[in-house]
């Protein structure tokens, strides 16, 4: 349930870029603070069980993640990329940063998380943003 609260809502007044950065940082912080969830999600995503119950996974995607990114695409903030490409790039970078932090290789402070999120933003944003 906490995962769904991380997705910025449409009524937020912040610029879309700030909403994206907030989303990315919040997700990464959540996985760092909840290491067991991180590793459970990683195992679940590669397990056959995921394919047995696809409606549960699609609820969060279809009601939160997809509309959030679709709003960015429709508003011209994010490149018009296929979700099959966009989601792994964003989600994968969140997971990689959290695992790198948890392994002790690098301490991701709030500022460092923001810097990392900006690198991802620079890769998905349109030229004008």
C-alpha atoms as a PDB file:
ATOM      1  CA  UNK A   1       0.000   0.000   0.000  1.00  0.00           C
ATOM      2  CA  UNK A   2       2.838   2.423   0.783  1.00  0.00           C
ATOM      3  CA  UNK A   3       4.126   1.867  -2.740  1.00  0.00           C
ATOM      4  CA  UNK A   4       0.933   3.307  -4.214  1.00  0.00           C
ATOM      5  CA  UNK A   5       1.273   6.410  -2.002  1.00  0.00           C
ATOM      6  CA  UNK A   6       4.650   7.164  -3.587  1.00  0.00           C
ATOM      7  CA  UNK A   7       3.109   7.869  -6.993  1.00  0.00           C
ATOM      8  CA  UNK A   8       2.476  11.633  -7.303  1.00  0.00           C
ATOM      9  CA  UNK A   9      -1.150  12.530  -7.885  1.00  0.00           C
ATOM     10  CA  UNK A  10      -2.435  14.670 -10.729  1.00  0.00           C
ATOM     11  CA  UNK A  11      -3.601  17.446  -8.430  1.00  0.00           C
ATOM     12  CA  UNK A  12      -0.050  18.191  -7.286  1.00  0.00           C
ATOM     13  CA  UNK A  13       0.960  21.752  -8.295  1.00  0.00           C
ATOM     14  CA  UNK A  14       4.643  20.965  -8.687  1.00  0.00           C
ATOM     15  CA  UNK A  15       6.265  20.965 -12.125  1.00  0.00           C
ATOM     16  CA  UNK A  16       6.236  17.494 -13.686  1.00  0.00           C
ATOM     17  CA  UNK A  17      10.037  17.231 -13.455  1.00  0.00           C
ATOM     18  CA  UNK A  18       9.854  17.717  -9.666  1.00  0.00           C
ATOM     19  CA  UNK A  19       7.070  15.133  -9.427  1.00  0.00           C
ATOM     20  CA  UNK A  20       9.232  12.650 -11.328  1.00  0.00           C
ATOM     21  CA  UNK A  21      12.235  13.335  -9.090  1.00  0.00           C
ATOM     22  CA  UNK A  22      10.012  12.964  -6.015  1.00  0.00           C
ATOM     23  CA  UNK A  23       8.675   9.655  -7.378  1.00  0.00           C
ATOM     24  CA  UNK A  24      12.148   8.272  -8.158  1.00  0.00           C
ATOM     25  CA  UNK A  25      13.699   9.345  -4.847  1.00  0.00           C
ATOM     26  CA  UNK A  26      10.726   8.134  -2.776  1.00  0.00           C
ATOM     27  CA  UNK A  27      10.790   4.723  -4.440  1.00  0.00           C
ATOM     28  CA  UNK A  28      14.529   4.361  -3.889  1.00  0.00           C
ATOM     29  CA  UNK A  29      14.301   5.486  -0.249  1.00  0.00           C
ATOM     30  CA  UNK A  30      11.445   3.034   0.302  1.00  0.00           C
ATOM     31  CA  UNK A  31      13.517   0.116  -0.972  1.00  0.00           C
ATOM     32  CA  UNK A  32      16.554   1.214   1.056  1.00  0.00           C
ATOM     33  CA  UNK A  33      14.436   1.447   4.216  1.00  0.00           C
ATOM     34  CA  UNK A  34      12.647  -1.839   3.430  1.00  0.00           C
ATOM     35  CA  UNK A  35      15.384  -4.141   2.190  1.00  0.00           C
ATOM     36  CA  UNK A  36      13.165  -7.206   2.601  1.00  0.00           C
ATOM     37  CA  UNK A  37      10.585  -5.683   0.226  1.00  0.00           C
ATOM     38  CA  UNK A  38      13.297  -4.935  -2.315  1.00  0.00           C
ATOM     39  CA  UNK A  39      14.503  -8.537  -2.398  1.00  0.00           C
ATOM     40  CA  UNK A  40      10.978  -9.953  -2.298  1.00  0.00           C
ATOM     41  CA  UNK A  41       9.976  -7.800  -5.284  1.00  0.00           C
ATOM     42  CA  UNK A  42      13.082  -8.834  -7.156  1.00  0.00           C
ATOM     43  CA  UNK A  43      12.332 -12.532  -6.593  1.00  0.00           C
ATOM     44  CA  UNK A  44       8.628 -12.071  -7.365  1.00  0.00           C
ATOM     45  CA  UNK A  45       9.347 -10.302 -10.666  1.00  0.00           C
ATOM     46  CA  UNK A  46      11.325 -13.305 -11.904  1.00  0.00           C
ATOM     47  CA  UNK A  47       9.056 -15.994 -10.481  1.00  0.00           C
ATOM     48  CA  UNK A  48       6.354 -17.976 -12.285  1.00  0.00           C
ATOM     49  CA  UNK A  49       3.843 -16.811  -9.613  1.00  0.00           C
ATOM     50  CA  UNK A  50       3.880 -13.342 -11.148  1.00  0.00           C
ATOM     51  CA  UNK A  51       2.311 -14.744 -14.299  1.00  0.00           C
ATOM     52  CA  UNK A  52      -0.350 -16.664 -12.333  1.00  0.00           C
ATOM     53  CA  UNK A  53      -1.863 -13.502 -10.876  1.00  0.00           C
ATOM     54  CA  UNK A  54      -1.264 -10.682 -13.387  1.00  0.00           C
ATOM     55  CA  UNK A  55      -4.296  -8.633 -12.322  1.00  0.00           C
ATOM     56  CA  UNK A  56      -2.682  -7.751  -8.975  1.00  0.00           C
ATOM     57  CA  UNK A  57       0.412  -6.339 -10.617  1.00  0.00           C
ATOM     58  CA  UNK A  58      -1.535  -4.531 -13.285  1.00  0.00           C
ATOM     59  CA  UNK A  59      -3.662  -2.656 -10.710  1.00  0.00           C
ATOM     60  CA  UNK A  60      -0.726  -0.597  -9.447  1.00  0.00           C
ATOM     61  CA  UNK A  61       0.614  -0.134 -12.956  1.00  0.00           C
ATOM     62  CA  UNK A  62      -2.710   0.768 -14.580  1.00  0.00           C
ATOM     63  CA  UNK A  63      -4.000   2.955 -11.751  1.00  0.00           C
ATOM     64  CA  UNK A  64      -0.786   4.733 -10.792  1.00  0.00           C
ATOM     65  CA  UNK A  65       2.442   4.258 -12.669  1.00  0.00           C
ATOM     66  CA  UNK A  66       1.120   4.212 -16.236  1.00  0.00           C
ATOM     67  CA  UNK A  67      -1.158   7.270 -15.824  1.00  0.00           C
ATOM     68  CA  UNK A  68       1.674   9.196 -14.169  1.00  0.00           C
ATOM     69  CA  UNK A  69       4.065   8.523 -17.056  1.00  0.00           C
ATOM     70  CA  UNK A  70       1.302   8.932 -19.655  1.00  0.00           C
ATOM     71  CA  UNK A  71       0.631  12.405 -18.243  1.00  0.00           C
ATOM     72  CA  UNK A  72       4.326  13.229 -18.710  1.00  0.00           C
ATOM     73  CA  UNK A  73       4.252  11.958 -22.294  1.00  0.00           C
ATOM     74  CA  UNK A  74       0.970  13.695 -23.154  1.00  0.00           C
ATOM     75  CA  UNK A  75       2.212  16.974 -21.688  1.00  0.00           C
ATOM     76  CA  UNK A  76       5.427  16.789 -23.709  1.00  0.00           C
ATOM     77  CA  UNK A  77       7.753  16.379 -20.723  1.00  0.00           C
ATOM     78  CA  UNK A  78       8.770  12.776 -21.400  1.00  0.00           C
ATOM     79  CA  UNK A  79       9.772  11.262 -24.734  1.00  0.00           C
ATOM     80  CA  UNK A  80       7.053   9.189 -26.343  1.00  0.00           C
ATOM     81  CA  UNK A  81       8.558   5.844 -25.329  1.00  0.00           C
ATOM     82  CA  UNK A  82       6.909   2.443 -25.113  1.00  0.00           C
ATOM     83  CA  UNK A  83       6.150   1.421 -21.511  1.00  0.00           C
ATOM     84  CA  UNK A  84       8.033  -1.813 -22.113  1.00  0.00           C
ATOM     85  CA  UNK A  85      11.139   0.382 -22.397  1.00  0.00           C
ATOM     86  CA  UNK A  86      10.290   3.231 -20.028  1.00  0.00           C
ATOM     87  CA  UNK A  87       9.328   1.189 -16.959  1.00  0.00           C
ATOM     88  CA  UNK A  88      12.448  -1.041 -16.877  1.00  0.00           C
ATOM     89  CA  UNK A  89      14.757   1.960 -17.342  1.00  0.00           C
ATOM     90  CA  UNK A  90      13.184   3.813 -14.426  1.00  0.00           C
ATOM     91  CA  UNK A  91      12.461   0.837 -12.171  1.00  0.00           C
ATOM     92  CA  UNK A  92      15.816  -0.775 -12.917  1.00  0.00           C
ATOM     93  CA  UNK A  93      17.719   2.352 -11.966  1.00  0.00           C
ATOM     94  CA  UNK A  94      15.801   2.593  -8.679  1.00  0.00           C
ATOM     95  CA  UNK A  95      16.519  -1.038  -7.815  1.00  0.00           C
ATOM     96  CA  UNK A  96      20.184  -0.771  -8.819  1.00  0.00           C
ATOM     97  CA  UNK A  97      20.739   2.362  -6.716  1.00  0.00           C
ATOM     98  CA  UNK A  98      19.022   0.824  -3.671  1.00  0.00           C
ATOM     99  CA  UNK A  99      21.048  -2.401  -3.969  1.00  0.00           C
ATOM    100  CA  UNK A 100      24.290  -0.477  -4.424  1.00  0.00           C
ATOM    101  CA  UNK A 101      23.533   1.520  -1.274  1.00  0.00           C
ATOM    102  CA  UNK A 102      22.541  -1.567   0.733  1.00  0.00           C
ATOM    103  CA  UNK A 103      25.697  -3.412  -0.329  1.00  0.00           C
ATOM    104  CA  UNK A 104      27.755  -0.657   1.280  1.00  0.00           C
ATOM    105  CA  UNK A 105      29.468   0.350  -1.955  1.00  0.00           C
ATOM    106  CA  UNK A 106      28.050   3.861  -1.939  1.00  0.00           C
ATOM    107  CA  UNK A 107      26.030   5.899   0.504  1.00  0.00           C
ATOM    108  CA  UNK A 108      23.122   7.526  -1.269  1.00  0.00           C
ATOM    109  CA  UNK A 109      22.243  10.682   0.629  1.00  0.00           C
ATOM    110  CA  UNK A 110      19.162  12.665  -0.372  1.00  0.00           C
ATOM    111  CA  UNK A 111      21.373  14.893  -2.564  1.00  0.00           C
ATOM    112  CA  UNK A 112      23.023  11.914  -4.249  1.00  0.00           C
ATOM    113  CA  UNK A 113      19.647  10.298  -4.865  1.00  0.00           C
ATOM    114  CA  UNK A 114      18.494  13.531  -6.489  1.00  0.00           C
ATOM    115  CA  UNK A 115      21.622  13.627  -8.684  1.00  0.00           C
ATOM    116  CA  UNK A 116      20.970  10.047  -9.781  1.00  0.00           C
ATOM    117  CA  UNK A 117      17.293  10.754 -10.463  1.00  0.00           C
ATOM    118  CA  UNK A 118      18.360  13.752 -12.576  1.00  0.00           C
ATOM    119  CA  UNK A 119      20.528  11.468 -14.719  1.00  0.00           C
ATOM    120  CA  UNK A 120      17.463   9.296 -15.406  1.00  0.00           C
ATOM    121  CA  UNK A 121      15.323  12.381 -16.014  1.00  0.00           C
ATOM    122  CA  UNK A 122      17.868  13.668 -18.551  1.00  0.00           C
ATOM    123  CA  UNK A 123      17.548  10.376 -20.419  1.00  0.00           C
ATOM    124  CA  UNK A 124      13.726  10.333 -20.655  1.00  0.00           C
ATOM    125  CA  UNK A 125      12.859  14.042 -20.922  1.00  0.00           C
ATOM    126  CA  UNK A 126      12.080  15.734 -24.204  1.00  0.00           C
ATOM    127  CA  UNK A 127      14.634  18.187 -25.609  1.00  0.00           C
ATOM    128  CA  UNK A 128      12.731  21.246 -24.345  1.00  0.00           C
ATOM    129  CA  UNK A 129      12.601  20.143 -20.740  1.00  0.00           C
END
